[in-house]
């Protein structure tokens, strides 16, 4: 446990200093990782719903980005770039969400993946926020969850980050420094 002089001077304990706090951070990280893994279940490779009508797959949800516009530049991007190259973007989204789930689940490079989660949540929000019967608070909760993982470096609580950070500190290479920041 790192205790800075400032926290001693001000009498504040470091965030996550108790066992209960660390367990709860780990639970939060694992649940968010499972959310992303579960989110893969309705994406059906290899066509991701592009060939089935009617569809509730990724293709139909992507079309919501233009049919129920949230942000005009995003709607333009969906209509002119993503839909014409749908397979590339669908596989990209599938890979990103699979990695998000896996890395958050094990707690490796958690801060980096929290940032990726924020970016992916933004893409999803811009696509579906105005879709009828969507509960918009779900997207705000996803933002808050990823911000909490980022702020607390939740992989340091019973994650791979906690186990590997001492090794990364010992090594002087650029990649080790990058991993320290990402964790």
C-alpha atoms as a PDB file:
ATOM      1  CA  UNK A   1       0.000   0.000   0.000  1.00  0.00           C
ATOM      2  CA  UNK A   2       1.437   3.363  -1.081  1.00  0.00           C
ATOM      3  CA  UNK A   3       0.842   6.152   1.406  1.00  0.00           C
ATOM      4  CA  UNK A   4       1.987   9.559   0.237  1.00  0.00           C
ATOM      5  CA  UNK A   5       3.260  12.248   2.608  1.00  0.00           C
ATOM      6  CA  UNK A   6       0.328  14.437   1.581  1.00  0.00           C
ATOM      7  CA  UNK A   7      -2.216  11.807   2.654  1.00  0.00           C
ATOM      8  CA  UNK A   8      -0.454  11.460   6.011  1.00  0.00           C
ATOM      9  CA  UNK A   9      -0.359  15.232   6.496  1.00  0.00           C
ATOM     10  CA  UNK A  10      -4.046  15.660   5.680  1.00  0.00           C
ATOM     11  CA  UNK A  11      -5.078  12.520   7.577  1.00  0.00           C
ATOM     12  CA  UNK A  12      -6.679  10.984   4.484  1.00  0.00           C
ATOM     13  CA  UNK A  13      -6.321   7.311   3.766  1.00  0.00           C
ATOM     14  CA  UNK A  14      -5.542   6.263   0.182  1.00  0.00           C
ATOM     15  CA  UNK A  15      -8.543   5.235  -1.859  1.00  0.00           C
ATOM     16  CA  UNK A  16      -9.013   1.489  -1.640  1.00  0.00           C
ATOM     17  CA  UNK A  17      -6.815   1.107   1.433  1.00  0.00           C
ATOM     18  CA  UNK A  18      -9.192  -1.225   3.262  1.00  0.00           C
ATOM     19  CA  UNK A  19      -9.761  -4.836   2.265  1.00  0.00           C
ATOM     20  CA  UNK A  20     -13.492  -4.160   1.814  1.00  0.00           C
ATOM     21  CA  UNK A  21     -12.758  -1.244  -0.546  1.00  0.00           C
ATOM     22  CA  UNK A  22     -10.399  -3.391  -2.622  1.00  0.00           C
ATOM     23  CA  UNK A  23     -12.934  -6.225  -2.801  1.00  0.00           C
ATOM     24  CA  UNK A  24     -15.691  -3.837  -3.881  1.00  0.00           C
ATOM     25  CA  UNK A  25     -13.436  -2.264  -6.544  1.00  0.00           C
ATOM     26  CA  UNK A  26     -12.603  -5.729  -7.850  1.00  0.00           C
ATOM     27  CA  UNK A  27     -16.298  -6.663  -7.899  1.00  0.00           C
ATOM     28  CA  UNK A  28     -17.115  -3.475  -9.822  1.00  0.00           C
ATOM     29  CA  UNK A  29     -14.330  -4.167 -12.343  1.00  0.00           C
ATOM     30  CA  UNK A  30     -15.403  -7.789 -12.832  1.00  0.00           C
ATOM     31  CA  UNK A  31     -19.083  -6.863 -13.249  1.00  0.00           C
ATOM     32  CA  UNK A  32     -18.254  -4.227 -15.862  1.00  0.00           C
ATOM     33  CA  UNK A  33     -16.058  -6.784 -17.649  1.00  0.00           C
ATOM     34  CA  UNK A  34     -18.918  -9.281 -17.605  1.00  0.00           C
ATOM     35  CA  UNK A  35     -21.250  -6.601 -18.972  1.00  0.00           C
ATOM     36  CA  UNK A  36     -19.042  -6.252 -22.044  1.00  0.00           C
ATOM     37  CA  UNK A  37     -18.720 -10.018 -22.466  1.00  0.00           C
ATOM     38  CA  UNK A  38     -22.496 -10.473 -22.172  1.00  0.00           C
ATOM     39  CA  UNK A  39     -22.934  -7.659 -24.698  1.00  0.00           C
ATOM     40  CA  UNK A  40     -21.273  -9.896 -27.297  1.00  0.00           C
ATOM     41  CA  UNK A  41     -24.149 -12.397 -27.082  1.00  0.00           C
ATOM     42  CA  UNK A  42     -26.466 -10.442 -29.381  1.00  0.00           C
ATOM     43  CA  UNK A  43     -23.774  -9.662 -31.947  1.00  0.00           C
ATOM     44  CA  UNK A  44     -23.832 -12.583 -34.360  1.00  0.00           C
ATOM     45  CA  UNK A  45     -20.756 -12.952 -36.562  1.00  0.00           C
ATOM     46  CA  UNK A  46     -20.024 -13.194 -39.385  1.00  0.00           C
ATOM     47  CA  UNK A  47     -22.765 -10.890 -40.751  1.00  0.00           C
ATOM     48  CA  UNK A  48     -23.855  -9.329 -37.424  1.00  0.00           C
ATOM     49  CA  UNK A  49     -27.483  -9.226 -38.593  1.00  0.00           C
ATOM     50  CA  UNK A  50     -26.781  -7.496 -41.895  1.00  0.00           C
ATOM     51  CA  UNK A  51     -28.541 -10.289 -43.832  1.00  0.00           C
ATOM     52  CA  UNK A  52     -31.515 -11.019 -41.549  1.00  0.00           C
ATOM     53  CA  UNK A  53     -34.753  -9.052 -41.600  1.00  0.00           C
ATOM     54  CA  UNK A  54     -36.144  -8.064 -39.198  1.00  0.00           C
ATOM     55  CA  UNK A  55     -33.077  -7.967 -37.049  1.00  0.00           C
ATOM     56  CA  UNK A  56     -32.267  -6.966 -33.492  1.00  0.00           C
ATOM     57  CA  UNK A  57     -28.595  -7.579 -34.119  1.00  0.00           C
ATOM     58  CA  UNK A  58     -25.748  -5.104 -34.387  1.00  0.00           C
ATOM     59  CA  UNK A  59     -26.749  -4.002 -37.887  1.00  0.00           C
ATOM     60  CA  UNK A  60     -30.222  -2.875 -36.776  1.00  0.00           C
ATOM     61  CA  UNK A  61     -28.824  -1.106 -33.722  1.00  0.00           C
ATOM     62  CA  UNK A  62     -26.221   0.625 -35.894  1.00  0.00           C
ATOM     63  CA  UNK A  63     -28.972   1.918 -38.185  1.00  0.00           C
ATOM     64  CA  UNK A  64     -30.514   3.591 -35.138  1.00  0.00           C
ATOM     65  CA  UNK A  65     -27.609   6.028 -35.312  1.00  0.00           C
ATOM     66  CA  UNK A  66     -29.222   7.597 -38.385  1.00  0.00           C
ATOM     67  CA  UNK A  67     -32.891   6.724 -37.887  1.00  0.00           C
ATOM     68  CA  UNK A  68     -32.999   8.217 -34.373  1.00  0.00           C
ATOM     69  CA  UNK A  69     -30.228  10.782 -34.639  1.00  0.00           C
ATOM     70  CA  UNK A  70     -28.484  11.780 -31.435  1.00  0.00           C
ATOM     71  CA  UNK A  71     -25.541  13.752 -32.809  1.00  0.00           C
ATOM     72  CA  UNK A  72     -25.538  14.911 -36.461  1.00  0.00           C
ATOM     73  CA  UNK A  73     -21.821  14.295 -37.162  1.00  0.00           C
ATOM     74  CA  UNK A  74     -22.170  10.762 -35.767  1.00  0.00           C
ATOM     75  CA  UNK A  75     -25.274  10.123 -37.905  1.00  0.00           C
ATOM     76  CA  UNK A  76     -23.320  11.253 -40.963  1.00  0.00           C
ATOM     77  CA  UNK A  77     -20.402   8.960 -40.035  1.00  0.00           C
ATOM     78  CA  UNK A  78     -22.740   5.989 -39.579  1.00  0.00           C
ATOM     79  CA  UNK A  79     -24.551   6.647 -42.850  1.00  0.00           C
ATOM     80  CA  UNK A  80     -21.519   7.402 -45.040  1.00  0.00           C
ATOM     81  CA  UNK A  81     -18.676   5.394 -43.502  1.00  0.00           C
ATOM     82  CA  UNK A  82     -19.831   2.701 -41.066  1.00  0.00           C
ATOM     83  CA  UNK A  83     -22.821   1.231 -42.948  1.00  0.00           C
ATOM     84  CA  UNK A  84     -20.971   1.017 -46.311  1.00  0.00           C
ATOM     85  CA  UNK A  85     -18.096  -0.764 -44.522  1.00  0.00           C
ATOM     86  CA  UNK A  86     -20.243  -2.480 -41.940  1.00  0.00           C
ATOM     87  CA  UNK A  87     -18.326  -5.790 -41.727  1.00  0.00           C
ATOM     88  CA  UNK A  88     -15.069  -4.027 -40.821  1.00  0.00           C
ATOM     89  CA  UNK A  89     -16.729  -1.917 -38.148  1.00  0.00           C
ATOM     90  CA  UNK A  90     -18.773  -4.827 -36.799  1.00  0.00           C
ATOM     91  CA  UNK A  91     -15.701  -7.022 -36.370  1.00  0.00           C
ATOM     92  CA  UNK A  92     -13.895  -4.043 -34.826  1.00  0.00           C
ATOM     93  CA  UNK A  93     -16.691  -3.460 -32.304  1.00  0.00           C
ATOM     94  CA  UNK A  94     -16.798  -7.179 -31.534  1.00  0.00           C
ATOM     95  CA  UNK A  95     -13.029  -7.291 -30.947  1.00  0.00           C
ATOM     96  CA  UNK A  96     -13.005  -4.120 -28.837  1.00  0.00           C
ATOM     97  CA  UNK A  97     -15.853  -5.335 -26.631  1.00  0.00           C
ATOM     98  CA  UNK A  98     -14.308  -8.808 -26.260  1.00  0.00           C
ATOM     99  CA  UNK A  99     -11.007  -7.222 -25.202  1.00  0.00           C
ATOM    100  CA  UNK A 100     -12.792  -4.800 -22.880  1.00  0.00           C
ATOM    101  CA  UNK A 101     -14.489  -7.692 -21.151  1.00  0.00           C
ATOM    102  CA  UNK A 102     -11.410  -9.876 -20.944  1.00  0.00           C
ATOM    103  CA  UNK A 103      -8.967  -7.203 -19.763  1.00  0.00           C
ATOM    104  CA  UNK A 104     -11.360  -5.738 -17.202  1.00  0.00           C
ATOM    105  CA  UNK A 105     -12.244  -9.216 -15.965  1.00  0.00           C
ATOM    106  CA  UNK A 106      -8.624 -10.039 -15.163  1.00  0.00           C
ATOM    107  CA  UNK A 107      -7.647  -6.469 -14.245  1.00  0.00           C
ATOM    108  CA  UNK A 108      -4.855  -5.902 -16.769  1.00  0.00           C
ATOM    109  CA  UNK A 109      -4.144  -2.373 -18.066  1.00  0.00           C
ATOM    110  CA  UNK A 110      -7.380  -1.376 -16.379  1.00  0.00           C
ATOM    111  CA  UNK A 111      -7.039   2.385 -16.740  1.00  0.00           C
ATOM    112  CA  UNK A 112      -6.411   2.048 -20.472  1.00  0.00           C
ATOM    113  CA  UNK A 113      -9.412  -0.255 -20.901  1.00  0.00           C
ATOM    114  CA  UNK A 114     -11.577   2.085 -18.821  1.00  0.00           C
ATOM    115  CA  UNK A 115     -10.753   4.804 -21.377  1.00  0.00           C
ATOM    116  CA  UNK A 116     -11.607   2.414 -24.210  1.00  0.00           C
ATOM    117  CA  UNK A 117     -14.869   1.640 -22.388  1.00  0.00           C
ATOM    118  CA  UNK A 118     -15.671   5.353 -22.245  1.00  0.00           C
ATOM    119  CA  UNK A 119     -15.029   5.678 -25.986  1.00  0.00           C
ATOM    120  CA  UNK A 120     -17.117   2.589 -26.823  1.00  0.00           C
ATOM    121  CA  UNK A 121     -19.913   3.810 -24.551  1.00  0.00           C
ATOM    122  CA  UNK A 122     -19.856   7.110 -26.449  1.00  0.00           C
ATOM    123  CA  UNK A 123     -20.219   5.299 -29.783  1.00  0.00           C
ATOM    124  CA  UNK A 124     -23.112   3.242 -28.432  1.00  0.00           C
ATOM    125  CA  UNK A 125     -24.741   6.300 -26.867  1.00  0.00           C
ATOM    126  CA  UNK A 126     -24.528   8.271 -30.121  1.00  0.00           C
ATOM    127  CA  UNK A 127     -26.153   5.344 -31.925  1.00  0.00           C
ATOM    128  CA  UNK A 128     -29.047   4.443 -29.648  1.00  0.00           C
ATOM    129  CA  UNK A 129     -29.749   7.128 -27.058  1.00  0.00           C
ATOM    130  CA  UNK A 130     -32.854   8.405 -28.899  1.00  0.00           C
ATOM    131  CA  UNK A 131     -34.107   4.964 -29.916  1.00  0.00           C
ATOM    132  CA  UNK A 132     -37.686   4.419 -28.714  1.00  0.00           C
ATOM    133  CA  UNK A 133     -37.962   2.505 -25.426  1.00  0.00           C
ATOM    134  CA  UNK A 134     -34.255   2.821 -24.629  1.00  0.00           C
ATOM    135  CA  UNK A 135     -33.493   3.569 -21.000  1.00  0.00           C
ATOM    136  CA  UNK A 136     -31.026   6.437 -21.423  1.00  0.00           C
ATOM    137  CA  UNK A 137     -29.747   6.133 -17.844  1.00  0.00           C
ATOM    138  CA  UNK A 138     -28.066   2.852 -18.795  1.00  0.00           C
ATOM    139  CA  UNK A 139     -25.503   4.783 -20.840  1.00  0.00           C
ATOM    140  CA  UNK A 140     -24.851   7.306 -18.089  1.00  0.00           C
ATOM    141  CA  UNK A 141     -24.333   4.406 -15.669  1.00  0.00           C
ATOM    142  CA  UNK A 142     -21.827   2.880 -18.109  1.00  0.00           C
ATOM    143  CA  UNK A 143     -19.953   6.201 -18.174  1.00  0.00           C
ATOM    144  CA  UNK A 144     -19.911   6.413 -14.384  1.00  0.00           C
ATOM    145  CA  UNK A 145     -18.735   2.809 -14.015  1.00  0.00           C
ATOM    146  CA  UNK A 146     -15.835   3.369 -16.415  1.00  0.00           C
ATOM    147  CA  UNK A 147     -14.930   6.664 -14.758  1.00  0.00           C
ATOM    148  CA  UNK A 148     -14.818   4.861 -11.400  1.00  0.00           C
ATOM    149  CA  UNK A 149     -12.539   2.146 -12.836  1.00  0.00           C
ATOM    150  CA  UNK A 150     -10.287   4.822 -14.318  1.00  0.00           C
ATOM    151  CA  UNK A 151     -10.160   6.961 -11.167  1.00  0.00           C
ATOM    152  CA  UNK A 152      -9.478   4.079  -8.802  1.00  0.00           C
ATOM    153  CA  UNK A 153      -7.111   2.059 -11.013  1.00  0.00           C
ATOM    154  CA  UNK A 154      -9.333  -0.882 -10.157  1.00  0.00           C
ATOM    155  CA  UNK A 155      -6.959  -3.468 -11.625  1.00  0.00           C
ATOM    156  CA  UNK A 156      -4.718  -2.856  -8.628  1.00  0.00           C
ATOM    157  CA  UNK A 157      -7.418  -4.441  -6.467  1.00  0.00           C
ATOM    158  CA  UNK A 158      -7.046  -8.212  -6.920  1.00  0.00           C
ATOM    159  CA  UNK A 159      -6.183  -7.847 -10.604  1.00  0.00           C
ATOM    160  CA  UNK A 160      -3.192  -8.677 -12.768  1.00  0.00           C
ATOM    161  CA  UNK A 161      -2.137  -5.021 -12.552  1.00  0.00           C
ATOM    162  CA  UNK A 162      -1.508  -5.482  -8.820  1.00  0.00           C
ATOM    163  CA  UNK A 163       0.698  -8.503  -9.435  1.00  0.00           C
ATOM    164  CA  UNK A 164       2.718  -7.023 -12.307  1.00  0.00           C
ATOM    165  CA  UNK A 165       3.190  -3.379 -11.253  1.00  0.00           C
ATOM    166  CA  UNK A 166       6.235  -4.201  -9.068  1.00  0.00           C
ATOM    167  CA  UNK A 167       7.904  -5.854 -12.084  1.00  0.00           C
ATOM    168  CA  UNK A 168       7.034  -2.923 -14.350  1.00  0.00           C
ATOM    169  CA  UNK A 169       8.520  -0.488 -11.792  1.00  0.00           C
ATOM    170  CA  UNK A 170      11.814  -2.426 -11.742  1.00  0.00           C
ATOM    171  CA  UNK A 171      12.202  -2.359 -15.496  1.00  0.00           C
ATOM    172  CA  UNK A 172      13.317   0.892 -17.058  1.00  0.00           C
ATOM    173  CA  UNK A 173      11.945   0.356 -20.572  1.00  0.00           C
ATOM    174  CA  UNK A 174       9.389   2.472 -22.354  1.00  0.00           C
ATOM    175  CA  UNK A 175       6.899  -0.414 -22.511  1.00  0.00           C
ATOM    176  CA  UNK A 176       7.103  -0.919 -18.745  1.00  0.00           C
ATOM    177  CA  UNK A 177       6.459   2.777 -18.160  1.00  0.00           C
ATOM    178  CA  UNK A 178       3.514   2.621 -20.547  1.00  0.00           C
ATOM    179  CA  UNK A 179       2.076  -0.368 -18.659  1.00  0.00           C
ATOM    180  CA  UNK A 180       2.458   1.485 -15.362  1.00  0.00           C
ATOM    181  CA  UNK A 181       0.394   4.354 -16.754  1.00  0.00           C
ATOM    182  CA  UNK A 182      -2.157   1.977 -18.305  1.00  0.00           C
ATOM    183  CA  UNK A 183      -2.619   0.145 -15.027  1.00  0.00           C
END
